Amino acid sequence: MTETAIISEVAPRDGIQSITGALVSTEAKIALIQACYDAGLRRMEVGSFVSPKAIPQMAQTEVVLAACRKMPGLESTVLVPNRRGFDTAIEHGADRLGFFMSATAGHNKANLNRTREESFDELAKLVQDTPKGTLIRFNLSCVFHCPFDGVVPEAEVMPWIERIVALNPEMEIALADTTGNASPDQVSRVFRHAIGTWGNRFAFHGHDTYGMGVANVSAAWEAGCRVFDSAAGGIGGCPFAPGATGNVATEDVVWMFGRMGVATGVDWRRLLVAADMAAAIPGAVPGGRMRAVPAARLAA
C-alpha cells in the first residue's frame, strides 16, 4: 500500500509575509492560491490576521479567505497571534486556526514582544475557546535553532512540547525549523521522541537557508512525521529571524517524495506553474532546486 505525505502549502502566507517594498496585491495572492489548488494542493496557509502595520503583506486576509472558501475541498489555515486575530478568524470562517509562539526566549520576544509564558497563557485560553469543529494548528517556532539563542537543546524544547500537547488531545502541533539551521540527526531525534511519547500528531515546518531543507523533511518522514509545510518556489522567510531565507520548496519536496514512492496528490506539471508564479512575485527571493533542473522540467 502506497504511503501518503500531506503537504501544507505556505507560500500564500509565510512565502509572502517577508517581502519588502511594494505590496503583493490581493488578486495576486488569490491567483497563487488558485494555481496551487489547480496543482492538487488541498491544504494551505492563506494569510494571517495580524495588524497590517506589523506585517503589511497580510492585509486583506479576510478577502483572500473568502475566495478560498469557493474552492471545494480546500482547507484554509490562517495564523492568529492574539485574541483580536482569533475573533476575526472565527468571524470569517477559517477552517484551521494557526497559533504560534517560539521555543526560545529570544525569538519569542523579537517576534511577539512577549515572554514565552505570556504567549503560552494567552494561547492556552484561545485553544480552550476554539469552537467545536474548527481545527487547530499550534506552531512552535525555533525548535532546533534560534537566531538569537543559537542551537536549542532538546532538553529545553521538550517541556514546551509537553505543555502544548496537554492543551488539546486532537490539536496538530508543528515543530518549526524557523532559521533553516537544523540538522537531520537533530530533526530525527526530536520527532522520534515527540511521536514516541505523544503520538503522531506532529507536522514539520522547514526552511532551506543552509541547503538542508529536503534532508530535514526526509529525516522527519523517517521518524514518522506525515504532515509537511513547504512553499511553492521556495519563497519566504521570517521577518523576525535575521538571515533566515525561504521555506523548503514544495516542488523539491514533491519530487523527493515521488522518487521515494510516497504519494502527495500533487500534479507535477501544474505545480511547476504555481512555483514559477510564486518565484516571479516582485520582491520575492525564490529558492529550491527542481525548477532549475532541465530534466525535471521535461518530466512535466
C-alpha atoms as a PDB file:
ATOM      1  CA  MET A   1       0.000   0.000   0.000  1.00  0.00           C
ATOM      2  CA  THR A   2       1.401   3.405  -1.023  1.00  0.00           C
ATOM      3  CA  GLU A   3       2.148   5.723   1.867  1.00  0.00           C
ATOM      4  CA  THR A   4       0.967   9.338   1.699  1.00  0.00           C
ATOM      5  CA  ALA A   5       2.556  12.607   2.754  1.00  0.00           C
ATOM      6  CA  ILE A   6       0.307  15.595   3.434  1.00  0.00           C
ATOM      7  CA  ILE A   7       1.725  18.857   2.169  1.00  0.00           C
ATOM      8  CA  SER A   8       0.535  22.147   3.599  1.00  0.00           C
ATOM      9  CA  GLU A   9       1.350  24.912   1.122  1.00  0.00           C
ATOM     10  CA  VAL A  10       2.551  28.039   2.927  1.00  0.00           C
ATOM     11  CA  ALA A  11       3.666  30.346   0.101  1.00  0.00           C
ATOM     12  CA  PRO A  12       0.499  32.496   0.332  1.00  0.00           C
ATOM     13  CA  ARG A  13       1.333  33.359   3.946  1.00  0.00           C
ATOM     14  CA  ASP A  14       4.868  32.500   5.019  1.00  0.00           C
ATOM     15  CA  GLY A  15       6.152  32.975   1.495  1.00  0.00           C
ATOM     16  CA  ILE A  16       4.716  36.450   1.030  1.00  0.00           C
ATOM     17  CA  GLN A  17       4.825  37.951   4.525  1.00  0.00           C
ATOM     18  CA  SER A  18       8.504  38.946   4.455  1.00  0.00           C
ATOM     19  CA  ILE A  19       8.503  40.617   1.038  1.00  0.00           C
ATOM     20  CA  THR A  20       9.526  44.245   1.409  1.00  0.00           C
ATOM     21  CA  GLY A  21       8.743  47.138  -0.878  1.00  0.00           C
ATOM     22  CA  ALA A  22       5.593  47.072  -2.980  1.00  0.00           C
ATOM     23  CA  LEU A  23       2.627  45.234  -1.520  1.00  0.00           C
ATOM     24  CA  VAL A  24       1.552  41.997  -3.173  1.00  0.00           C
ATOM     25  CA  SER A  25      -1.973  42.601  -4.401  1.00  0.00           C
ATOM     26  CA  THR A  26      -4.877  40.633  -3.029  1.00  0.00           C
ATOM     27  CA  GLU A  27      -5.598  39.478  -6.573  1.00  0.00           C
ATOM     28  CA  ALA A  28      -2.050  38.117  -6.906  1.00  0.00           C
ATOM     29  CA  LYS A  29      -2.369  36.216  -3.626  1.00  0.00           C
ATOM     30  CA  ILE A  30      -5.643  34.642  -4.739  1.00  0.00           C
ATOM     31  CA  ALA A  31      -4.151  33.765  -8.143  1.00  0.00           C
ATOM     32  CA  LEU A  32      -1.248  31.981  -6.432  1.00  0.00           C
ATOM     33  CA  ILE A  33      -3.631  30.055  -4.209  1.00  0.00           C
ATOM     34  CA  GLN A  34      -5.685  29.085  -7.265  1.00  0.00           C
ATOM     35  CA  ALA A  35      -2.560  27.851  -9.068  1.00  0.00           C
ATOM     36  CA  CYS A  36      -1.559  25.751  -6.061  1.00  0.00           C
ATOM     37  CA  TYR A  37      -5.105  24.429  -5.806  1.00  0.00           C
ATOM     38  CA  ASP A  38      -5.069  23.522  -9.503  1.00  0.00           C
ATOM     39  CA  ALA A  39      -1.905  21.524  -8.814  1.00  0.00           C
ATOM     40  CA  GLY A  40      -3.780  19.394  -6.295  1.00  0.00           C
ATOM     41  CA  LEU A  41      -2.731  21.051  -3.042  1.00  0.00           C
ATOM     42  CA  ARG A  42      -5.696  20.909  -0.695  1.00  0.00           C
ATOM     43  CA  ARG A  43      -4.226  22.370   2.450  1.00  0.00           C
ATOM     44  CA  MET A  44      -2.781  25.880   2.585  1.00  0.00           C
ATOM     45  CA  GLU A  45      -1.785  28.699   4.902  1.00  0.00           C
ATOM     46  CA  VAL A  46      -3.582  31.546   3.168  1.00  0.00           C
ATOM     47  CA  GLY A  47      -2.929  34.516   5.425  1.00  0.00           C
ATOM     48  CA  SER A  48      -2.644  35.913   8.897  1.00  0.00           C
ATOM     49  CA  PHE A  49      -4.920  38.105  10.958  1.00  0.00           C
ATOM     50  CA  VAL A  50      -2.184  40.345  12.285  1.00  0.00           C
ATOM     51  CA  SER A  51      -2.004  44.115  12.285  1.00  0.00           C
ATOM     52  CA  PRO A  52      -1.195  45.389   8.777  1.00  0.00           C
ATOM     53  CA  LYS A  53       1.170  47.832  10.482  1.00  0.00           C
ATOM     54  CA  ALA A  54       3.214  44.892  11.762  1.00  0.00           C
ATOM     55  CA  ILE A  55       3.029  42.697   8.634  1.00  0.00           C
ATOM     56  CA  PRO A  56       1.782  44.858   5.733  1.00  0.00           C
ATOM     57  CA  GLN A  57       1.709  41.965   3.258  1.00  0.00           C
ATOM     58  CA  MET A  58      -1.022  40.241   5.273  1.00  0.00           C
ATOM     59  CA  ALA A  59      -3.579  42.984   4.707  1.00  0.00           C
ATOM     60  CA  GLN A  60      -6.985  41.858   3.385  1.00  0.00           C
ATOM     61  CA  THR A  61      -6.621  38.289   4.591  1.00  0.00           C
ATOM     62  CA  GLU A  62     -10.407  38.245   5.018  1.00  0.00           C
ATOM     63  CA  VAL A  63     -10.826  38.814   1.262  1.00  0.00           C
ATOM     64  CA  VAL A  64      -8.341  36.056   0.466  1.00  0.00           C
ATOM     65  CA  LEU A  65     -10.124  33.695   2.848  1.00  0.00           C
ATOM     66  CA  ALA A  66     -13.480  34.426   1.218  1.00  0.00           C
ATOM     67  CA  ALA A  67     -12.032  33.450  -2.172  1.00  0.00           C
ATOM     68  CA  CYS A  68     -10.594  30.256  -0.704  1.00  0.00           C
ATOM     69  CA  ARG A  69     -13.973  29.226   0.613  1.00  0.00           C
ATOM     70  CA  LYS A  70     -15.147  28.977  -3.009  1.00  0.00           C
ATOM     71  CA  MET A  71     -12.538  26.282  -3.778  1.00  0.00           C
ATOM     72  CA  PRO A  72     -14.118  22.890  -2.943  1.00  0.00           C
ATOM     73  CA  GLY A  73     -12.125  20.730  -0.579  1.00  0.00           C
ATOM     74  CA  LEU A  74      -9.528  23.362   0.293  1.00  0.00           C
ATOM     75  CA  GLU A  75      -8.613  23.525   3.965  1.00  0.00           C
ATOM     76  CA  SER A  76      -7.564  27.112   4.678  1.00  0.00           C
ATOM     77  CA  THR A  77      -5.378  27.950   7.652  1.00  0.00           C
ATOM     78  CA  VAL A  78      -4.890  31.476   8.965  1.00  0.00           C
ATOM     79  CA  LEU A  79      -2.403  32.483  11.623  1.00  0.00           C
ATOM     80  CA  VAL A  80      -3.754  34.283  14.675  1.00  0.00           C
ATOM     81  CA  PRO A  81      -1.352  35.945  17.137  1.00  0.00           C
ATOM     82  CA  ASN A  82      -3.844  37.111  19.765  1.00  0.00           C
ATOM     83  CA  ARG A  83      -7.483  37.385  20.815  1.00  0.00           C
ATOM     84  CA  ARG A  84      -8.314  40.007  18.202  1.00  0.00           C
ATOM     85  CA  GLY A  85      -6.913  37.859  15.393  1.00  0.00           C
ATOM     86  CA  PHE A  86      -8.706  34.830  16.834  1.00  0.00           C
ATOM     87  CA  ASP A  87     -12.078  36.579  16.846  1.00  0.00           C
ATOM     88  CA  THR A  88     -11.568  37.843  13.294  1.00  0.00           C
ATOM     89  CA  ALA A  89     -10.602  34.380  12.017  1.00  0.00           C
ATOM     90  CA  ILE A  90     -13.686  32.806  13.598  1.00  0.00           C
ATOM     91  CA  GLU A  91     -15.881  35.551  12.152  1.00  0.00           C
ATOM     92  CA  HIS A  92     -14.600  34.932   8.636  1.00  0.00           C
ATOM     93  CA  GLY A  93     -14.842  31.142   8.760  1.00  0.00           C
ATOM     94  CA  ALA A  94     -11.258  29.913   8.735  1.00  0.00           C
ATOM     95  CA  ASP A  95     -11.059  26.122   8.538  1.00  0.00           C
ATOM     96  CA  ARG A  96      -7.986  25.913  10.751  1.00  0.00           C
ATOM     97  CA  LEU A  97      -6.507  28.377  13.215  1.00  0.00           C
ATOM     98  CA  GLY A  98      -2.747  28.613  13.403  1.00  0.00           C
ATOM     99  CA  PHE A  99      -1.495  29.628  16.821  1.00  0.00           C
ATOM    100  CA  PHE A 100       2.199  30.330  17.250  1.00  0.00           C
ATOM    101  CA  MET A 101       4.924  31.018  19.763  1.00  0.00           C
ATOM    102  CA  SER A 102       8.619  30.311  19.984  1.00  0.00           C
ATOM    103  CA  ALA A 103      10.506  27.659  21.890  1.00  0.00           C
ATOM    104  CA  THR A 104      13.217  30.214  22.687  1.00  0.00           C
ATOM    105  CA  ALA A 105      13.023  33.389  24.738  1.00  0.00           C
ATOM    106  CA  GLY A 106      14.978  35.496  22.244  1.00  0.00           C
ATOM    107  CA  HIS A 107      12.832  34.780  19.206  1.00  0.00           C
ATOM    108  CA  ASN A 108       9.550  34.970  21.094  1.00  0.00           C
ATOM    109  CA  LYS A 109      10.472  38.435  22.300  1.00  0.00           C
ATOM    110  CA  ALA A 110      11.528  39.581  18.819  1.00  0.00           C
ATOM    111  CA  ASN A 111       8.544  38.010  17.058  1.00  0.00           C
ATOM    112  CA  LEU A 112       5.748  38.631  19.552  1.00  0.00           C
ATOM    113  CA  ASN A 113       7.227  41.096  22.063  1.00  0.00           C
ATOM    114  CA  ARG A 114       6.255  38.779  24.883  1.00  0.00           C
ATOM    115  CA  THR A 115       7.802  36.251  27.176  1.00  0.00           C
ATOM    116  CA  ARG A 116       7.123  32.618  26.400  1.00  0.00           C
ATOM    117  CA  GLU A 117       4.920  32.308  29.471  1.00  0.00           C
ATOM    118  CA  GLU A 118       2.830  35.291  28.385  1.00  0.00           C
ATOM    119  CA  SER A 119       2.366  33.815  24.916  1.00  0.00           C
ATOM    120  CA  PHE A 120       1.533  30.362  26.226  1.00  0.00           C
ATOM    121  CA  ASP A 121      -1.013  31.674  28.732  1.00  0.00           C
ATOM    122  CA  GLU A 122      -2.936  33.580  26.045  1.00  0.00           C
ATOM    123  CA  LEU A 123      -2.771  30.758  23.507  1.00  0.00           C
ATOM    124  CA  ALA A 124      -3.980  28.253  26.106  1.00  0.00           C
ATOM    125  CA  LYS A 125      -7.111  30.375  26.551  1.00  0.00           C
ATOM    126  CA  LEU A 126      -7.622  30.604  22.785  1.00  0.00           C
ATOM    127  CA  VAL A 127      -7.297  26.836  22.394  1.00  0.00           C
ATOM    128  CA  GLN A 128      -9.921  26.399  25.092  1.00  0.00           C
ATOM    129  CA  ASP A 129     -12.247  28.907  23.402  1.00  0.00           C
ATOM    130  CA  THR A 130     -11.942  27.500  19.868  1.00  0.00           C
ATOM    131  CA  PRO A 131     -15.415  26.484  18.629  1.00  0.00           C
ATOM    132  CA  LYS A 132     -16.041  22.790  18.146  1.00  0.00           C
ATOM    133  CA  GLY A 133     -15.422  21.817  14.541  1.00  0.00           C
ATOM    134  CA  THR A 134     -12.701  24.402  13.956  1.00  0.00           C
ATOM    135  CA  LEU A 135      -9.326  22.754  13.500  1.00  0.00           C
ATOM    136  CA  ILE A 136      -6.218  23.967  15.309  1.00  0.00           C
ATOM    137  CA  ARG A 137      -2.537  24.003  14.423  1.00  0.00           C
ATOM    138  CA  PHE A 138      -0.155  25.038  17.204  1.00  0.00           C
ATOM    139  CA  ASN A 139       3.131  26.194  15.649  1.00  0.00           C
ATOM    140  CA  LEU A 140       6.213  26.104  17.842  1.00  0.00           C
ATOM    141  CA  SER A 141       8.970  28.145  16.213  1.00  0.00           C
ATOM    142  CA  CYS A 142      12.738  27.790  16.655  1.00  0.00           C
ATOM    143  CA  VAL A 143      12.542  24.229  17.937  1.00  0.00           C
ATOM    144  CA  PHE A 144      16.006  23.411  16.585  1.00  0.00           C
ATOM    145  CA  HIS A 145      17.896  26.680  16.276  1.00  0.00           C
ATOM    146  CA  CYS A 146      17.301  30.320  17.211  1.00  0.00           C
ATOM    147  CA  PRO A 147      18.827  33.398  15.549  1.00  0.00           C
ATOM    148  CA  PHE A 148      19.303  34.935  18.974  1.00  0.00           C
ATOM    149  CA  ASP A 149      19.926  31.976  21.302  1.00  0.00           C
ATOM    150  CA  GLY A 150      21.730  29.533  18.987  1.00  0.00           C
ATOM    151  CA  VAL A 151      21.207  25.766  18.843  1.00  0.00           C
ATOM    152  CA  VAL A 152      18.256  24.792  21.028  1.00  0.00           C
ATOM    153  CA  PRO A 153      18.957  21.963  23.499  1.00  0.00           C
ATOM    154  CA  GLU A 154      16.398  19.196  23.221  1.00  0.00           C
ATOM    155  CA  ALA A 155      16.024  19.254  26.995  1.00  0.00           C
ATOM    156  CA  GLU A 156      14.772  22.835  26.711  1.00  0.00           C
ATOM    157  CA  VAL A 157      12.200  22.272  23.986  1.00  0.00           C
ATOM    158  CA  MET A 158      10.599  19.013  25.166  1.00  0.00           C
ATOM    159  CA  PRO A 159       8.884  20.528  28.228  1.00  0.00           C
ATOM    160  CA  TRP A 160       7.261  23.128  25.974  1.00  0.00           C
ATOM    161  CA  ILE A 161       6.019  20.432  23.628  1.00  0.00           C
ATOM    162  CA  GLU A 162       4.628  18.522  26.592  1.00  0.00           C
ATOM    163  CA  ARG A 163       2.726  21.582  27.804  1.00  0.00           C
ATOM    164  CA  ILE A 164       1.310  22.232  24.339  1.00  0.00           C
ATOM    165  CA  VAL A 165       0.249  18.603  23.925  1.00  0.00           C
ATOM    166  CA  ALA A 166      -1.715  18.836  27.170  1.00  0.00           C
ATOM    167  CA  LEU A 167      -3.858  21.710  25.867  1.00  0.00           C
ATOM    168  CA  ASN A 168      -5.913  19.637  23.418  1.00  0.00           C
ATOM    169  CA  PRO A 169      -5.879  15.901  22.661  1.00  0.00           C
ATOM    170  CA  GLU A 170      -6.581  16.359  18.923  1.00  0.00           C
ATOM    171  CA  MET A 171      -4.625  19.517  18.097  1.00  0.00           C
ATOM    172  CA  GLU A 172      -1.900  19.275  15.472  1.00  0.00           C
ATOM    173  CA  ILE A 173       1.477  20.590  16.574  1.00  0.00           C
ATOM    174  CA  ALA A 174       4.074  21.856  14.115  1.00  0.00           C
ATOM    175  CA  LEU A 175       7.730  21.774  15.081  1.00  0.00           C
ATOM    176  CA  ALA A 176       9.458  24.502  13.091  1.00  0.00           C
ATOM    177  CA  ASP A 177      12.981  24.919  11.823  1.00  0.00           C
ATOM    178  CA  THR A 178      12.498  28.666  11.548  1.00  0.00           C
ATOM    179  CA  THR A 179      16.077  29.528  10.624  1.00  0.00           C
ATOM    180  CA  GLY A 180      16.748  26.523   8.369  1.00  0.00           C
ATOM    181  CA  ASN A 181      19.740  25.612  10.520  1.00  0.00           C
ATOM    182  CA  ALA A 182      18.507  22.290  11.899  1.00  0.00           C
ATOM    183  CA  SER A 183      20.499  19.164  11.113  1.00  0.00           C
ATOM    184  CA  PRO A 184      18.852  15.911  10.001  1.00  0.00           C
ATOM    185  CA  ASP A 185      20.030  13.971  13.050  1.00  0.00           C
ATOM    186  CA  GLN A 186      18.572  16.645  15.328  1.00  0.00           C
ATOM    187  CA  VAL A 187      15.257  16.614  13.454  1.00  0.00           C
ATOM    188  CA  SER A 188      15.175  12.830  13.657  1.00  0.00           C
ATOM    189  CA  ARG A 189      15.806  12.761  17.426  1.00  0.00           C
ATOM    190  CA  VAL A 190      13.209  15.418  18.211  1.00  0.00           C
ATOM    191  CA  PHE A 191      10.484  13.826  16.086  1.00  0.00           C
ATOM    192  CA  ARG A 192      11.189  10.288  17.276  1.00  0.00           C
ATOM    193  CA  HIS A 193      10.987  11.468  20.866  1.00  0.00           C
ATOM    194  CA  ALA A 194       7.835  13.541  20.278  1.00  0.00           C
ATOM    195  CA  ILE A 195       5.969  10.897  18.261  1.00  0.00           C
ATOM    196  CA  GLY A 196       7.115   8.091  20.527  1.00  0.00           C
ATOM    197  CA  THR A 197       5.956   9.952  23.620  1.00  0.00           C
ATOM    198  CA  TRP A 198       2.792  11.776  22.485  1.00  0.00           C
ATOM    199  CA  GLY A 199       1.678  10.025  19.299  1.00  0.00           C
ATOM    200  CA  ASN A 200       1.706  11.012  15.646  1.00  0.00           C
ATOM    201  CA  ARG A 201       0.122  14.452  15.792  1.00  0.00           C
ATOM    202  CA  PHE A 202       3.151  16.433  14.649  1.00  0.00           C
ATOM    203  CA  ALA A 203       3.979  18.372  11.493  1.00  0.00           C
ATOM    204  CA  PHE A 204       7.334  19.671  10.263  1.00  0.00           C
ATOM    205  CA  HIS A 205       7.866  23.246   9.094  1.00  0.00           C
ATOM    206  CA  GLY A 206      11.259  23.631   7.448  1.00  0.00           C
ATOM    207  CA  HIS A 207      13.349  26.313   5.796  1.00  0.00           C
ATOM    208  CA  ASP A 208      16.241  25.860   3.394  1.00  0.00           C
ATOM    209  CA  THR A 209      18.653  28.590   4.487  1.00  0.00           C
ATOM    210  CA  TYR A 210      21.614  26.217   4.711  1.00  0.00           C
ATOM    211  CA  GLY A 211      20.548  23.819   1.959  1.00  0.00           C
ATOM    212  CA  MET A 212      19.332  21.137   4.362  1.00  0.00           C
ATOM    213  CA  GLY A 213      15.586  21.619   3.901  1.00  0.00           C
ATOM    214  CA  VAL A 214      14.839  18.467   1.909  1.00  0.00           C
ATOM    215  CA  ALA A 215      17.217  16.388   4.047  1.00  0.00           C
ATOM    216  CA  ASN A 216      15.375  17.551   7.148  1.00  0.00           C
ATOM    217  CA  VAL A 217      11.997  16.726   5.572  1.00  0.00           C
ATOM    218  CA  SER A 218      13.324  13.246   4.856  1.00  0.00           C
ATOM    219  CA  ALA A 219      14.561  12.894   8.441  1.00  0.00           C
ATOM    220  CA  ALA A 220      11.158  13.913   9.810  1.00  0.00           C
ATOM    221  CA  TRP A 221       9.449  11.453   7.446  1.00  0.00           C
ATOM    222  CA  GLU A 222      11.670   8.574   8.540  1.00  0.00           C
ATOM    223  CA  ALA A 223      10.903   9.477  12.164  1.00  0.00           C
ATOM    224  CA  GLY A 224       7.179   9.083  11.473  1.00  0.00           C
ATOM    225  CA  CYS A 225       6.008  12.609  10.616  1.00  0.00           C
ATOM    226  CA  ARG A 226       3.422  12.729   7.819  1.00  0.00           C
ATOM    227  CA  VAL A 227       2.498  16.434   7.535  1.00  0.00           C
ATOM    228  CA  PHE A 228       4.938  18.903   5.981  1.00  0.00           C
ATOM    229  CA  ASP A 229       4.889  22.623   5.300  1.00  0.00           C
ATOM    230  CA  SER A 230       6.525  23.896   2.117  1.00  0.00           C
ATOM    231  CA  ALA A 231       6.302  26.886  -0.218  1.00  0.00           C
ATOM    232  CA  ALA A 232       5.961  26.905  -3.980  1.00  0.00           C
ATOM    233  CA  GLY A 233       9.077  28.449  -5.468  1.00  0.00           C
ATOM    234  CA  GLY A 234      10.891  28.194  -2.156  1.00  0.00           C
ATOM    235  CA  ILE A 235       9.889  31.743  -1.260  1.00  0.00           C
ATOM    236  CA  GLY A 236       9.555  33.079   2.254  1.00  0.00           C
ATOM    237  CA  GLY A 237      11.354  33.745   5.484  1.00  0.00           C
ATOM    238  CA  CYS A 238      10.588  35.075   8.931  1.00  0.00           C
ATOM    239  CA  PRO A 239      10.844  38.882   9.228  1.00  0.00           C
ATOM    240  CA  PHE A 240      11.947  38.413  12.834  1.00  0.00           C
ATOM    241  CA  ALA A 241      14.603  35.746  12.215  1.00  0.00           C
ATOM    242  CA  PRO A 242      17.630  37.583  10.804  1.00  0.00           C
ATOM    243  CA  GLY A 243      19.296  35.641   7.999  1.00  0.00           C
ATOM    244  CA  ALA A 244      16.546  33.084   7.540  1.00  0.00           C
ATOM    245  CA  THR A 245      15.650  32.598   3.895  1.00  0.00           C
ATOM    246  CA  GLY A 246      12.840  30.784   2.162  1.00  0.00           C
ATOM    247  CA  ASN A 247      10.811  27.761   3.079  1.00  0.00           C
ATOM    248  CA  VAL A 248      11.766  24.402   1.664  1.00  0.00           C
ATOM    249  CA  ALA A 249      10.344  24.417  -1.856  1.00  0.00           C
ATOM    250  CA  THR A 250       7.162  22.465  -2.480  1.00  0.00           C
ATOM    251  CA  GLU A 251       8.482  21.269  -5.829  1.00  0.00           C
ATOM    252  CA  ASP A 252      11.632  19.874  -4.157  1.00  0.00           C
ATOM    253  CA  VAL A 253       9.556  18.068  -1.535  1.00  0.00           C
ATOM    254  CA  VAL A 254       7.109  16.658  -4.095  1.00  0.00           C
ATOM    255  CA  TRP A 255       9.955  15.461  -6.332  1.00  0.00           C
ATOM    256  CA  MET A 256      11.704  13.777  -3.405  1.00  0.00           C
ATOM    257  CA  PHE A 257       8.564  12.005  -2.240  1.00  0.00           C
ATOM    258  CA  GLY A 258       7.805  10.947  -5.800  1.00  0.00           C
ATOM    259  CA  ARG A 259      11.226   9.310  -6.087  1.00  0.00           C
ATOM    260  CA  MET A 260      10.566   7.591  -2.756  1.00  0.00           C
ATOM    261  CA  GLY A 261       7.239   6.202  -3.968  1.00  0.00           C
ATOM    262  CA  VAL A 262       5.294   8.347  -1.498  1.00  0.00           C
ATOM    263  CA  ALA A 263       2.005   9.814  -2.749  1.00  0.00           C
ATOM    264  CA  THR A 264       1.296  13.540  -2.378  1.00  0.00           C
ATOM    265  CA  GLY A 265      -1.682  14.032  -4.696  1.00  0.00           C
ATOM    266  CA  VAL A 266       0.161  16.854  -6.466  1.00  0.00           C
ATOM    267  CA  ASP A 267       0.310  17.245 -10.247  1.00  0.00           C
ATOM    268  CA  TRP A 268       3.960  17.928 -11.121  1.00  0.00           C
ATOM    269  CA  ARG A 269       3.317  19.956 -14.273  1.00  0.00           C
ATOM    270  CA  ARG A 270       0.790  22.220 -12.604  1.00  0.00           C
ATOM    271  CA  LEU A 271       2.963  22.541  -9.531  1.00  0.00           C
ATOM    272  CA  LEU A 272       5.752  23.981 -11.682  1.00  0.00           C
ATOM    273  CA  VAL A 273       3.294  26.589 -12.950  1.00  0.00           C
ATOM    274  CA  ALA A 274       2.499  27.587  -9.363  1.00  0.00           C
ATOM    275  CA  ALA A 275       6.168  27.554  -8.370  1.00  0.00           C
ATOM    276  CA  ASP A 276       7.131  29.781 -11.300  1.00  0.00           C
ATOM    277  CA  MET A 277       4.307  32.150 -10.389  1.00  0.00           C
ATOM    278  CA  ALA A 278       5.469  32.355  -6.767  1.00  0.00           C
ATOM    279  CA  ALA A 279       9.090  32.889  -7.756  1.00  0.00           C
ATOM    280  CA  ALA A 280       8.073  35.750 -10.084  1.00  0.00           C
ATOM    281  CA  ILE A 281       6.300  37.785  -7.387  1.00  0.00           C
ATOM    282  CA  PRO A 282       8.100  41.162  -7.235  1.00  0.00           C
ATOM    283  CA  GLY A 283      10.334  41.273  -4.187  1.00  0.00           C
ATOM    284  CA  ALA A 284      10.230  37.531  -3.548  1.00  0.00           C
ATOM    285  CA  VAL A 285      13.528  35.678  -3.225  1.00  0.00           C
ATOM    286  CA  PRO A 286      12.954  32.239  -4.751  1.00  0.00           C
ATOM    287  CA  GLY A 287      14.753  29.127  -3.611  1.00  0.00           C
ATOM    288  CA  GLY A 288      14.671  25.418  -4.224  1.00  0.00           C
ATOM    289  CA  ARG A 289      16.377  23.399  -6.921  1.00  0.00           C
ATOM    290  CA  MET A 290      13.984  21.403  -9.049  1.00  0.00           C
ATOM    291  CA  ARG A 291      12.650  24.343 -11.059  1.00  0.00           C
ATOM    292  CA  ALA A 292      16.180  24.797 -12.460  1.00  0.00           C
ATOM    293  CA  VAL A 293      16.747  21.138 -13.390  1.00  0.00           C
ATOM    294  CA  PRO A 294      16.030  20.773 -17.138  1.00  0.00           C
ATOM    295  CA  ALA A 295      15.324  17.040 -16.911  1.00  0.00           C
ATOM    296  CA  ALA A 296      12.833  17.657 -14.098  1.00  0.00           C
ATOM    297  CA  ARG A 297      11.015  20.260 -16.165  1.00  0.00           C
ATOM    298  CA  LEU A 298      10.880  17.871 -19.087  1.00  0.00           C
ATOM    299  CA  ALA A 299       9.273  15.319 -16.781  1.00  0.00           C
ATOM    300  CA  ALA A 300       6.285  17.639 -16.665  1.00  0.00           C
END
